[in-house]
Amino acid sequence: MPLPPKKKAPPPKAYIVKHPVKQTVLSSVSTVSHSAKTHVKTHLNGSAHNATLPKPSRTPTPSRPSSKEPVERLKTERSRARANKRASPTITTPQFSDDDDEEAEAQPKKRAKTSEMVDPNRQIKDVDAFAGNEAIRASRIHAREIANSDIIAHNGRNSYEPFFTAFTTNEDPEEAVITTEYPAAASEPEEWHIVVPVVNKSDFHPHEQITKNMEVMRDYYLDEESKKIVDNINGSGLLQALNRVVRRKGTDRFVGARTDYISILSQYNELIRAKRADGTFSAAIDRMQNIPFHLMTRILSETCSRTVSPSVESLSKYTAFSDNVYGELLPPFLSRIFKETGLRSDQVFVDLGSGVGNCVIQAALETGCTAWGCEMMDSPARLAAIQAKEFRVRCKLWGFKAGPVHLIHDDFLQNQQIGEVLKKADVILLNNQAFTAELNDKLKFKFLDVKEGAKIVSLKYYRDPKYRIKDTTINDPINVLKVVEKERFSNNVSWSSDPGKWYLHTKDSSELQAFQARMYANGGGGER
């Protein structure tokens, strides 16, 4: 039932910040780091985006194909790039769109529906997160640290200005810290400054982020009566009230709007605390068989926006047309890959060329698997370490248990630990769109060591779907692979909105063994 009306009280006093705001957080996460000693470089294939923002207009152009690509295909790709107004290779902030889940449905008609996979061994809820144990409360990067009016625009980073600018005589005009609650008991409220971006208006916007969090709480955590308090069709919900306050800007009624904003959020926080205490949130997660896609991308978005996005300019240091060109596989595409490979919580996922770790953390959260990543370049590997640490905290705030995440800073062709992990990997991901022919050839020999049945996902094939074993090619390492060519739908990757192909390889030596048996039966002869 709706909360009873409160007695009229003096306007709430906002907490005024009197301390300097932290600009960046460079704390490390437990990762394995090795100095890179070879010239072979890996490709970055992160996937996380900022959930509040539309897809960027400036993204890297499709990377140069290997020398085996036909000239006509190169011309076609360039024409498409011009038609889509794609810029020259430029690094833009990895961004999430809250419409990612809608795009996953609104694809070309050819798209086949993938049924939801339920893993009976997956533990979704983080029990400790609801225990209220002070020992597990972890520090995190608050929203006020990445969006505040003290930030100075530099190297592509935005600056911010206060949203509330008209105050009553009872209000302190200094910037106030505003808080919001999370579902888990083992969490401190998130701290915000209500500011607006100055340069790029679509950058991280605190008010929009707050309302998106409220919508997620409404959709996945609250009971029916509480949902109506937050969002009511008759306009009486807290969400509607909050938006009405924001729309007052530019009018005489904007005076005192910050106090009204804080008052509405105080009612929301009171509701969240009450529902958390009576077990509503814990029970809501217990009813989930999987983490809903929209909720999952919200967690990934929060993680990315507080770690990768503020330092995205460091990702621009790469060599064009090399193995180090930056590109992302987007969340709907990754989700489809996990489903079609059957990735489960008791399996091992490896991303070779893991960039800032986006694919790795999505695999760990979505499937609960043990997820490994290896990245050679310094800047993305450093951001991956920071992101992995924040990811753990964000999962706990929302009450979810992700699988173990291991990130290695090294050359994946040389690192011995990755070599051992590959032998037991169930799913191996290679965003090899920009890998050189030399690197792809070297990777083929790595596949000889993976176990039978392992799945290898790539954007360029290692075994041509039309390839057949012959006695002249019997020693080619691709003979131990089977391959299926699959459709990649529109807006599945960051560097192009066009559809394309992807390849699902399976380690399966049966065809090679059968061919060898026929050769010996025929006295050593075979197909030529």
Protein backbone atom coordinates (compact mmCIF):
# COMPACT_ATOMS: atom_id res chain seq x y z
CA MET A 1 0.00 0.00 0.00
CA PRO A 2 1.24 3.58 -0.60
CA LEU A 3 3.30 5.22 2.12
CA PRO A 4 1.19 7.38 4.48
CA PRO A 5 1.49 11.13 3.95
CA LYS A 6 4.10 12.78 6.09
CA LYS A 7 3.57 15.79 8.32
CA LYS A 8 4.88 18.96 6.83
CA ALA A 9 8.44 19.49 8.00
CA PRO A 10 11.20 22.02 7.32
CA PRO A 11 13.07 21.41 4.04
CA PRO A 12 15.68 18.66 4.42
CA LYS A 13 19.22 19.81 4.81
CA ALA A 14 21.51 18.57 2.07
CA TYR A 15 24.86 17.17 3.07
CA ILE A 16 27.44 19.68 1.86
CA VAL A 17 30.74 18.42 0.50
CA LYS A 18 33.70 20.10 2.16
CA HIS A 19 36.41 17.71 0.95
CA PRO A 20 38.22 17.49 -2.40
CA VAL A 21 36.72 15.08 -4.88
CA LYS A 22 38.82 12.13 -5.95
CA GLN A 23 39.46 12.33 -9.70
CA THR A 24 40.69 8.90 -10.67
CA VAL A 25 41.08 5.57 -8.97
CA LEU A 26 44.03 3.47 -10.01
CA SER A 27 43.85 0.73 -7.41
CA SER A 28 44.82 -2.67 -8.70
CA VAL A 29 42.93 -5.94 -8.75
CA SER A 30 44.55 -9.32 -8.26
CA THR A 31 45.75 -10.07 -11.71
CA VAL A 32 48.77 -11.85 -13.07
CA SER A 33 51.16 -9.51 -14.84
CA HIS A 34 54.15 -10.44 -16.94
CA SER A 35 56.38 -8.28 -19.07
CA ALA A 36 55.69 -8.78 -22.73
CA LYS A 37 58.78 -10.08 -24.48
CA THR A 38 57.71 -10.78 -28.02
CA HIS A 39 56.60 -8.63 -30.92
CA VAL A 40 53.26 -10.41 -31.35
CA LYS A 41 50.45 -8.15 -30.13
CA THR A 42 46.91 -8.95 -29.16
CA HIS A 43 43.62 -7.44 -30.24
CA LEU A 44 41.36 -5.62 -27.83
CA ASN A 45 37.85 -6.95 -27.82
CA GLY A 46 36.07 -5.37 -24.91
CA SER A 47 32.35 -5.08 -24.95
CA ALA A 48 31.04 -2.89 -22.20
CA HIS A 49 29.27 0.42 -22.85
CA ASN A 50 27.89 3.25 -20.87
CA ALA A 51 24.27 2.37 -20.28
CA THR A 52 23.00 5.90 -20.37
CA LEU A 53 24.34 6.84 -23.70
CA PRO A 54 23.36 6.30 -27.30
CA LYS A 55 25.85 4.49 -29.46
CA PRO A 56 28.78 6.74 -30.36
CA SER A 57 28.98 8.27 -33.77
CA ARG A 58 32.76 7.99 -33.78
CA THR A 59 33.93 4.40 -33.85
CA PRO A 60 36.87 2.65 -35.44
CA THR A 61 36.43 1.72 -39.07
CA PRO A 62 36.51 -1.96 -39.95
CA SER A 63 40.05 -3.17 -39.50
CA ARG A 64 42.15 -4.10 -42.50
CA PRO A 65 41.54 -7.71 -43.52
CA SER A 66 44.37 -10.14 -44.10
CA SER A 67 46.08 -10.25 -47.46
CA LYS A 68 43.87 -13.15 -48.52
CA GLU A 69 40.74 -10.96 -48.62
CA PRO A 70 39.51 -10.22 -52.18
CA VAL A 71 40.00 -6.68 -53.43
CA GLU A 72 36.31 -6.34 -54.22
CA ARG A 73 35.39 -7.10 -50.62
CA LEU A 74 37.72 -4.38 -49.44
CA LYS A 75 35.98 -1.90 -51.74
CA THR A 76 32.58 -3.00 -50.47
CA GLU A 77 33.58 -2.56 -46.84
CA ARG A 78 34.95 0.90 -47.53
CA SER A 79 31.76 1.92 -49.33
CA ARG A 80 29.66 0.69 -46.41
CA ALA A 81 31.87 2.53 -43.97
CA ARG A 82 31.35 5.78 -45.89
CA ALA A 83 27.63 5.15 -46.12
CA ASN A 84 27.43 4.65 -42.37
CA LYS A 85 29.56 7.76 -41.75
CA ARG A 86 32.10 5.82 -39.74
CA ALA A 87 35.10 7.88 -38.74
CA SER A 88 38.76 7.11 -39.22
CA PRO A 89 40.26 4.88 -36.48
CA THR A 90 39.48 6.79 -33.31
CA ILE A 91 38.93 5.56 -29.80
CA THR A 92 35.60 6.48 -28.25
CA THR A 93 34.33 5.70 -24.79
CA PRO A 94 33.07 2.12 -24.57
CA GLN A 95 29.36 2.67 -24.17
CA PHE A 96 26.36 0.66 -23.13
CA SER A 97 22.90 1.33 -24.40
CA ASP A 98 19.93 0.45 -22.25
CA ASP A 99 18.33 -0.51 -25.55
CA ASP A 100 20.80 -3.37 -26.00
CA ASP A 101 18.20 -5.86 -24.83
CA GLU A 102 15.64 -4.39 -27.24
CA GLU A 103 18.15 -4.63 -30.08
CA ALA A 104 18.64 -8.26 -29.18
CA GLU A 105 15.00 -8.77 -30.17
CA ALA A 106 14.72 -6.22 -33.00
CA GLN A 107 17.06 -7.98 -35.42
CA PRO A 108 16.61 -9.08 -39.03
CA LYS A 109 13.88 -11.65 -39.64
CA LYS A 110 16.48 -14.28 -40.46
CA ARG A 111 17.49 -14.35 -36.83
CA ALA A 112 16.75 -17.62 -35.10
CA LYS A 113 15.41 -17.46 -31.59
CA THR A 114 17.78 -18.91 -29.00
CA SER A 115 15.97 -20.57 -26.13
CA GLU A 116 16.93 -19.56 -22.61
CA MET A 117 19.38 -22.00 -21.08
CA VAL A 118 18.91 -22.82 -17.41
CA ASP A 119 22.00 -24.01 -15.56
CA PRO A 120 20.85 -26.11 -12.56
CA ASN A 121 24.28 -25.77 -10.94
CA ARG A 122 24.42 -21.98 -11.17
CA GLN A 123 24.24 -20.05 -7.91
CA ILE A 124 22.90 -16.63 -8.85
CA LYS A 125 22.47 -14.97 -5.48
CA ASP A 126 25.39 -13.74 -3.43
CA VAL A 127 24.24 -14.91 -0.02
CA ASP A 128 26.87 -12.84 1.77
CA ALA A 129 25.59 -9.68 0.10
CA PHE A 130 22.32 -10.06 2.01
CA ALA A 131 23.91 -11.03 5.31
CA GLY A 132 24.62 -7.47 6.40
CA ASN A 133 28.13 -8.49 7.42
CA GLU A 134 30.23 -5.36 7.87
CA ALA A 135 33.37 -7.33 6.98
CA ILE A 136 32.28 -7.75 3.37
CA ARG A 137 31.49 -4.11 2.73
CA ALA A 138 33.89 -3.07 -0.02
CA SER A 139 35.03 0.34 -1.19
CA ARG A 140 33.97 1.41 -4.66
CA ILE A 141 34.09 4.32 -7.07
CA HIS A 142 31.06 6.50 -6.35
CA ALA A 143 29.23 8.40 -9.05
CA ARG A 144 30.27 11.73 -7.50
CA GLU A 145 33.91 10.82 -8.17
CA ILE A 146 33.46 10.59 -11.94
CA ALA A 147 30.87 13.36 -12.39
CA ASN A 148 31.33 16.55 -10.39
CA SER A 149 31.82 20.21 -11.14
CA ASP A 150 35.51 20.11 -10.18
CA ILE A 151 36.42 17.94 -13.16
CA ILE A 152 38.29 19.85 -15.84
CA ALA A 153 37.84 18.81 -19.46
CA HIS A 154 41.05 17.38 -20.89
CA ASN A 155 42.13 14.67 -23.34
CA GLY A 156 38.59 14.04 -24.44
CA ARG A 157 37.17 13.94 -20.90
CA ASN A 158 34.05 15.94 -20.24
CA SER A 159 33.51 18.67 -17.68
CA TYR A 160 30.39 19.11 -15.57
CA GLU A 161 28.39 21.92 -14.06
CA PRO A 162 25.80 21.88 -11.25
CA PHE A 163 22.25 21.18 -12.35
CA PHE A 164 20.59 22.99 -9.44
CA THR A 165 21.41 26.68 -9.52
CA ALA A 166 18.45 28.44 -7.84
CA PHE A 167 18.28 28.27 -4.03
CA THR A 168 16.11 29.55 -1.22
CA THR A 169 17.62 31.53 1.63
CA ASN A 170 17.62 28.33 3.74
CA GLU A 171 19.69 26.34 1.23
CA ASP A 172 23.46 26.17 1.04
CA PRO A 173 24.42 26.72 -2.62
CA GLU A 174 27.50 24.49 -2.35
CA GLU A 175 27.31 21.19 -4.21
CA ALA A 176 25.50 18.56 -2.18
CA VAL A 177 26.03 14.81 -1.95
CA ILE A 178 22.81 12.95 -2.75
CA THR A 179 22.52 9.24 -1.97
CA THR A 180 20.59 6.25 -3.32
CA GLU A 181 20.19 2.78 -1.85
CA TYR A 182 20.97 -0.60 -3.46
CA PRO A 183 19.25 -3.98 -2.99
CA ALA A 184 21.96 -5.75 -1.01
CA ALA A 185 22.24 -5.41 2.75
CA ALA A 186 26.03 -5.39 2.53
CA SER A 187 26.11 -2.07 0.69
CA GLU A 188 26.54 1.57 1.48
CA PRO A 189 24.40 4.12 -0.41
CA GLU A 190 25.77 5.40 -3.71
CA GLU A 191 26.90 9.05 -3.55
CA TRP A 192 26.04 11.47 -6.36
CA HIS A 193 26.46 15.09 -7.36
CA ILE A 194 23.55 16.15 -9.52
CA VAL A 195 25.53 17.74 -12.33
CA VAL A 196 25.22 17.83 -16.11
CA PRO A 197 27.89 17.26 -18.78
CA VAL A 198 29.05 20.42 -20.52
CA VAL A 199 30.88 19.32 -23.67
CA ASN A 200 29.18 16.10 -24.73
CA LYS A 201 25.60 16.28 -23.50
CA SER A 202 25.17 12.52 -23.91
CA ASP A 203 27.94 11.67 -21.44
CA PHE A 204 27.35 10.26 -17.96
CA HIS A 205 24.30 12.07 -16.58
CA PRO A 206 23.63 11.48 -12.86
CA HIS A 207 19.88 12.18 -12.91
CA GLU A 208 19.37 9.79 -15.83
CA GLN A 209 21.47 7.15 -14.07
CA ILE A 210 19.43 7.49 -10.88
CA THR A 211 16.13 7.10 -12.71
CA LYS A 212 17.44 4.08 -14.65
CA ASN A 213 18.39 2.42 -11.36
CA MET A 214 14.91 3.12 -10.02
CA GLU A 215 13.42 1.52 -13.13
CA VAL A 216 15.55 -1.59 -12.67
CA MET A 217 14.44 -1.83 -9.04
CA ARG A 218 10.83 -1.50 -10.17
CA ASP A 219 11.13 -4.15 -12.86
CA TYR A 220 13.11 -6.84 -11.06
CA TYR A 221 13.12 -6.37 -7.29
CA LEU A 222 9.99 -4.71 -5.92
CA ASP A 223 6.61 -6.26 -5.14
CA GLU A 224 3.50 -5.00 -6.94
CA GLU A 225 2.45 -2.49 -4.30
CA SER A 226 5.93 -1.03 -4.03
CA LYS A 227 6.18 -0.74 -7.81
CA LYS A 228 3.20 1.62 -7.77
CA ILE A 229 4.93 3.82 -5.22
CA VAL A 230 7.96 4.14 -7.47
CA ASP A 231 6.15 4.38 -10.82
CA ASN A 232 2.39 4.87 -11.05
CA ILE A 233 0.34 5.23 -14.21
CA ASN A 234 -1.66 8.03 -12.56
CA GLY A 235 1.52 10.14 -12.24
CA SER A 236 1.83 9.88 -8.46
CA GLY A 237 5.00 7.75 -8.46
CA LEU A 238 8.37 8.87 -7.15
CA LEU A 239 9.87 8.56 -10.62
CA GLN A 240 7.32 10.97 -12.04
CA ALA A 241 7.80 13.36 -9.14
CA LEU A 242 11.57 13.35 -9.63
CA ASN A 243 11.23 14.09 -13.33
CA ARG A 244 8.75 16.90 -12.64
CA VAL A 245 11.34 18.59 -10.42
CA VAL A 246 13.96 18.38 -13.18
CA ARG A 247 11.56 19.84 -15.74
CA ARG A 248 11.09 22.93 -13.57
CA LYS A 249 14.48 24.28 -14.65
CA GLY A 250 14.15 27.59 -16.43
CA THR A 251 11.02 28.57 -14.51
CA ASP A 252 10.41 30.51 -11.30
CA ARG A 253 9.45 27.22 -9.64
CA PHE A 254 13.05 25.99 -10.00
CA VAL A 255 13.99 27.86 -6.81
CA GLY A 256 14.32 25.24 -4.07
CA ALA A 257 14.19 22.37 -6.57
CA ARG A 258 17.26 20.66 -5.08
CA THR A 259 15.57 20.40 -1.70
CA ASP A 260 12.49 18.86 -3.34
CA TYR A 261 14.73 16.45 -5.30
CA ILE A 262 16.46 15.29 -2.12
CA SER A 263 13.12 14.91 -0.35
CA ILE A 264 11.76 12.61 -3.09
CA LEU A 265 14.90 10.47 -3.06
CA SER A 266 14.68 10.25 0.72
CA GLN A 267 11.22 8.65 0.34
CA TYR A 268 12.63 6.27 -2.26
CA ASN A 269 15.55 5.30 -0.03
CA GLU A 270 13.18 4.70 2.88
CA LEU A 271 11.15 2.32 0.72
CA ILE A 272 14.27 0.44 -0.45
CA ARG A 273 15.53 0.02 3.11
CA ALA A 274 12.15 -1.32 4.22
CA LYS A 275 11.88 -3.80 1.34
CA ARG A 276 15.47 -4.91 1.86
CA ALA A 277 14.79 -5.53 5.55
CA ASP A 278 11.67 -7.64 4.94
CA GLY A 279 13.50 -9.93 2.48
CA THR A 280 11.74 -8.76 -0.69
CA PHE A 281 14.95 -8.36 -2.69
CA SER A 282 16.51 -11.60 -1.57
CA ALA A 283 13.32 -13.47 -2.49
CA ALA A 284 13.18 -11.75 -5.89
CA ILE A 285 16.62 -13.08 -6.80
CA ASP A 286 15.70 -16.54 -5.51
CA ARG A 287 12.93 -16.64 -8.12
CA MET A 288 15.34 -15.88 -10.98
CA GLN A 289 16.66 -18.76 -13.06
CA ASN A 290 18.99 -16.45 -14.98
CA ILE A 291 20.09 -12.86 -14.56
CA PRO A 292 17.80 -10.83 -16.87
CA PHE A 293 19.71 -9.30 -19.75
CA HIS A 294 18.64 -5.72 -19.01
CA LEU A 295 19.65 -6.07 -15.36
CA MET A 296 22.97 -7.65 -16.31
CA THR A 297 23.85 -4.80 -18.69
CA ARG A 298 22.96 -2.31 -15.96
CA ILE A 299 25.62 -3.84 -13.71
CA LEU A 300 28.17 -3.90 -16.53
CA SER A 301 27.32 -0.31 -17.42
CA GLU A 302 27.89 0.94 -13.88
CA THR A 303 31.21 -0.87 -13.77
CA CYS A 304 32.42 0.52 -17.08
CA SER A 305 31.25 4.09 -16.49
CA ARG A 306 33.25 4.33 -13.26
CA THR A 307 36.46 2.69 -14.49
CA VAL A 308 37.02 2.57 -18.25
CA SER A 309 35.07 5.59 -19.47
CA PRO A 310 36.94 8.29 -17.46
CA SER A 311 40.28 7.03 -18.83
CA VAL A 312 39.22 6.08 -22.33
CA GLU A 313 41.70 8.46 -23.94
CA SER A 314 44.50 6.08 -22.94
CA LEU A 315 43.03 3.47 -25.28
CA SER A 316 43.83 5.62 -28.32
CA LYS A 317 47.49 4.63 -28.21
CA TYR A 318 47.55 1.83 -30.75
CA THR A 319 49.09 1.13 -34.13
CA ALA A 320 46.56 1.28 -36.94
CA PHE A 321 46.23 -1.84 -39.12
CA SER A 322 48.03 -3.97 -36.55
CA ASP A 323 46.85 -6.61 -34.09
CA ASN A 324 46.25 -3.78 -31.59
CA VAL A 325 43.28 -2.07 -33.24
CA TYR A 326 40.52 -1.55 -30.67
CA GLY A 327 37.08 -3.02 -31.25
CA GLU A 328 34.25 -4.34 -29.15
CA LEU A 329 31.83 -7.24 -29.32
CA LEU A 330 28.58 -5.82 -27.96
CA PRO A 331 26.59 -7.41 -25.12
CA PRO A 332 23.72 -8.92 -27.21
CA PHE A 333 26.25 -10.63 -29.48
CA LEU A 334 28.24 -11.96 -26.53
CA SER A 335 25.07 -13.22 -24.90
CA ARG A 336 24.21 -15.12 -28.07
CA ILE A 337 27.72 -16.61 -28.20
CA PHE A 338 27.43 -17.86 -24.63
CA LYS A 339 24.08 -19.48 -25.37
CA GLU A 340 25.15 -21.13 -28.63
CA THR A 341 28.34 -22.52 -27.11
CA GLY A 342 26.41 -23.78 -24.07
CA LEU A 343 28.75 -22.03 -21.63
CA ARG A 344 27.90 -23.06 -18.04
CA SER A 345 28.95 -22.20 -14.52
CA ASP A 346 31.14 -25.30 -14.20
CA GLN A 347 33.12 -24.47 -17.34
CA VAL A 348 36.12 -22.34 -18.32
CA PHE A 349 35.98 -19.36 -20.69
CA VAL A 350 39.11 -17.75 -22.18
CA ASP A 351 39.30 -14.48 -24.11
CA LEU A 352 42.59 -14.12 -26.00
CA GLY A 353 43.20 -10.41 -26.47
CA SER A 354 40.79 -9.38 -23.72
CA GLY A 355 41.34 -5.61 -23.83
CA VAL A 356 39.69 -3.88 -20.87
CA GLY A 357 38.06 -7.15 -19.82
CA ASN A 358 34.49 -6.53 -20.98
CA CYS A 359 33.91 -9.97 -22.49
CA VAL A 360 35.51 -11.65 -19.49
CA ILE A 361 33.32 -9.99 -16.87
CA GLN A 362 30.15 -10.47 -18.92
CA ALA A 363 30.89 -14.20 -19.22
CA ALA A 364 31.47 -14.44 -15.46
CA LEU A 365 28.26 -12.58 -14.63
CA GLU A 366 25.94 -14.03 -17.26
CA THR A 367 26.98 -17.69 -16.95
CA GLY A 368 28.85 -17.93 -13.64
CA CYS A 369 31.79 -19.61 -15.41
CA THR A 370 35.45 -19.25 -14.51
CA ALA A 371 36.54 -16.52 -16.91
CA TRP A 372 40.09 -15.80 -18.05
CA GLY A 373 41.45 -12.98 -20.17
CA CYS A 374 44.90 -12.17 -21.49
CA GLU A 375 45.90 -8.78 -22.86
CA MET A 376 49.34 -7.58 -23.89
CA MET A 377 48.90 -3.81 -24.18
CA ASP A 378 49.58 -1.78 -21.04
CA SER A 379 46.71 0.74 -21.02
CA PRO A 380 43.82 -1.68 -21.55
CA ALA A 381 45.37 -4.23 -19.18
CA ARG A 382 45.61 -1.57 -16.48
CA LEU A 383 41.99 -0.53 -16.96
CA ALA A 384 40.93 -4.17 -16.98
CA ALA A 385 42.45 -4.63 -13.52
CA ILE A 386 40.56 -1.60 -12.17
CA GLN A 387 37.34 -2.69 -13.85
CA ALA A 388 37.57 -6.23 -12.46
CA LYS A 389 37.84 -4.88 -8.92
CA GLU A 390 34.86 -2.55 -9.35
CA PHE A 391 32.91 -5.35 -11.03
CA ARG A 392 33.07 -7.47 -7.87
CA VAL A 393 31.65 -4.63 -5.80
CA ARG A 394 28.88 -3.82 -8.30
CA CYS A 395 27.75 -7.45 -8.43
CA LYS A 396 27.53 -7.46 -4.65
CA LEU A 397 25.54 -4.21 -4.56
CA TRP A 398 22.89 -5.80 -6.79
CA GLY A 399 23.05 -9.12 -4.91
CA PHE A 400 24.56 -11.37 -7.59
CA LYS A 401 27.38 -13.89 -7.53
CA ALA A 402 29.58 -13.90 -10.62
CA GLY A 403 32.11 -16.55 -11.54
CA PRO A 404 35.82 -16.13 -10.80
CA VAL A 405 37.65 -13.61 -13.01
CA HIS A 406 41.34 -13.96 -13.86
CA LEU A 407 43.13 -11.33 -15.95
CA ILE A 408 46.70 -11.70 -17.21
CA HIS A 409 48.83 -8.92 -18.63
CA ASP A 410 51.05 -10.67 -21.16
CA ASP A 411 51.39 -12.08 -24.66
CA PHE A 412 48.94 -14.96 -24.90
CA LEU A 413 51.20 -16.87 -27.29
CA GLN A 414 54.02 -16.88 -24.74
CA ASN A 415 52.33 -16.95 -21.33
CA GLN A 416 52.66 -20.40 -19.77
CA GLN A 417 49.67 -20.02 -17.44
CA ILE A 418 47.36 -19.20 -20.34
CA GLY A 419 48.85 -22.15 -22.19
CA GLU A 420 47.77 -24.45 -19.36
CA VAL A 421 44.33 -22.84 -19.07
CA LEU A 422 43.71 -23.33 -22.80
CA LYS A 423 44.13 -27.10 -22.33
CA LYS A 424 41.07 -27.20 -20.07
CA ALA A 425 39.07 -24.36 -21.66
CA ASP A 426 35.51 -25.09 -22.81
CA VAL A 427 34.98 -21.87 -24.79
CA ILE A 428 37.75 -19.77 -26.35
CA LEU A 429 36.96 -16.35 -27.82
CA LEU A 430 39.14 -14.58 -30.38
CA ASN A 431 38.03 -11.25 -31.75
CA ASN A 432 40.44 -11.77 -34.65
CA GLN A 433 38.86 -9.29 -37.06
CA ALA A 434 42.08 -7.27 -37.12
CA PHE A 435 44.60 -10.00 -36.32
CA THR A 436 47.35 -10.30 -38.90
CA ALA A 437 47.59 -13.45 -41.02
CA GLU A 438 50.81 -14.28 -39.16
CA LEU A 439 49.13 -14.17 -35.74
CA ASN A 440 46.14 -16.23 -36.92
CA ASP A 441 48.51 -18.85 -38.33
CA LYS A 442 50.34 -19.11 -35.01
CA LEU A 443 47.06 -19.50 -33.16
CA LYS A 444 46.13 -22.54 -35.25
CA PHE A 445 48.91 -24.51 -33.59
CA LYS A 446 47.54 -23.54 -30.16
CA PHE A 447 44.33 -25.37 -31.05
CA LEU A 448 46.21 -28.68 -31.21
CA ASP A 449 46.51 -28.55 -27.41
CA VAL A 450 42.90 -27.75 -26.54
CA LYS A 451 40.67 -30.58 -25.40
CA GLU A 452 38.23 -32.45 -27.61
CA GLY A 453 34.85 -30.72 -27.70
CA ALA A 454 36.21 -27.28 -26.88
CA LYS A 455 34.46 -24.42 -28.72
CA ILE A 456 36.50 -21.73 -30.48
CA VAL A 457 34.65 -18.56 -31.51
CA SER A 458 36.14 -16.15 -34.03
CA LEU A 459 35.07 -13.45 -36.49
CA LYS A 460 37.33 -14.81 -39.22
CA TYR A 461 37.46 -18.54 -39.76
CA TYR A 462 40.48 -20.66 -38.98
CA ARG A 463 39.09 -23.51 -41.03
CA ASP A 464 37.25 -22.51 -44.21
CA PRO A 465 33.75 -24.05 -44.13
CA LYS A 466 34.46 -25.37 -47.65
CA TYR A 467 37.81 -26.92 -46.72
CA ARG A 468 38.26 -30.69 -47.06
CA ILE A 469 41.20 -32.72 -45.80
CA LYS A 470 43.54 -34.03 -48.46
CA ASP A 471 46.70 -36.08 -48.24
CA THR A 472 48.66 -32.97 -49.23
CA THR A 473 47.22 -31.04 -46.24
CA ILE A 474 47.11 -33.84 -43.69
CA ASN A 475 49.53 -32.03 -41.37
CA ASP A 476 47.58 -28.77 -41.29
CA PRO A 477 46.51 -28.04 -37.65
CA ILE A 478 43.04 -26.95 -38.78
CA ASN A 479 42.25 -30.62 -39.53
CA VAL A 480 41.35 -31.10 -35.87
CA LEU A 481 38.57 -28.50 -36.15
CA LYS A 482 35.01 -28.58 -37.35
CA VAL A 483 33.41 -25.27 -38.23
CA VAL A 484 29.95 -23.78 -38.62
CA GLU A 485 29.47 -20.39 -40.26
CA LYS A 486 26.89 -18.22 -38.50
CA GLU A 487 25.18 -14.90 -39.19
CA ARG A 488 26.25 -11.86 -37.20
CA PHE A 489 23.37 -9.43 -37.04
CA SER A 490 23.33 -5.65 -37.28
CA ASN A 491 24.90 -3.62 -34.46
CA ASN A 492 26.66 -6.62 -32.94
CA VAL A 493 30.12 -5.02 -33.04
CA SER A 494 31.38 -1.51 -32.34
CA TRP A 495 33.19 -0.86 -35.60
CA SER A 496 30.28 -1.47 -37.97
CA SER A 497 26.50 -1.45 -37.91
CA ASP A 498 26.44 -3.91 -40.81
CA PRO A 499 25.69 -7.61 -40.39
CA GLY A 500 28.45 -10.11 -41.04
CA LYS A 501 29.66 -13.59 -40.18
CA TRP A 502 31.13 -15.35 -37.21
CA TYR A 503 32.51 -18.86 -36.89
CA LEU A 504 31.94 -21.52 -34.29
CA HIS A 505 34.76 -24.06 -34.38
CA THR A 506 34.77 -27.27 -32.36
CA LYS A 507 37.86 -29.32 -31.55
CA ASP A 508 36.96 -32.64 -33.15
CA SER A 509 39.68 -34.96 -34.44
CA SER A 510 37.31 -37.63 -35.74
CA GLU A 511 37.40 -36.46 -39.37
CA LEU A 512 41.20 -36.45 -39.40
CA GLN A 513 41.35 -39.89 -37.78
CA ALA A 514 38.88 -41.30 -40.32
CA PHE A 515 40.90 -39.83 -43.19
CA GLN A 516 44.10 -41.32 -41.81
CA ALA A 517 42.42 -44.71 -41.47
CA ARG A 518 41.32 -44.58 -45.13
CA MET A 519 44.83 -43.61 -46.20
CA TYR A 520 46.37 -46.59 -44.46
CA ALA A 521 43.67 -48.91 -45.79
CA ASN A 522 44.42 -47.69 -49.33
CA GLY A 523 48.13 -48.20 -48.91
CA GLY A 524 48.90 -44.57 -48.12
CA GLY A 525 46.85 -42.97 -50.86
CA GLY A 526 44.15 -40.39 -50.25
CA GLU A 527 42.42 -37.41 -51.76
CA ARG A 528 44.59 -34.88 -53.55
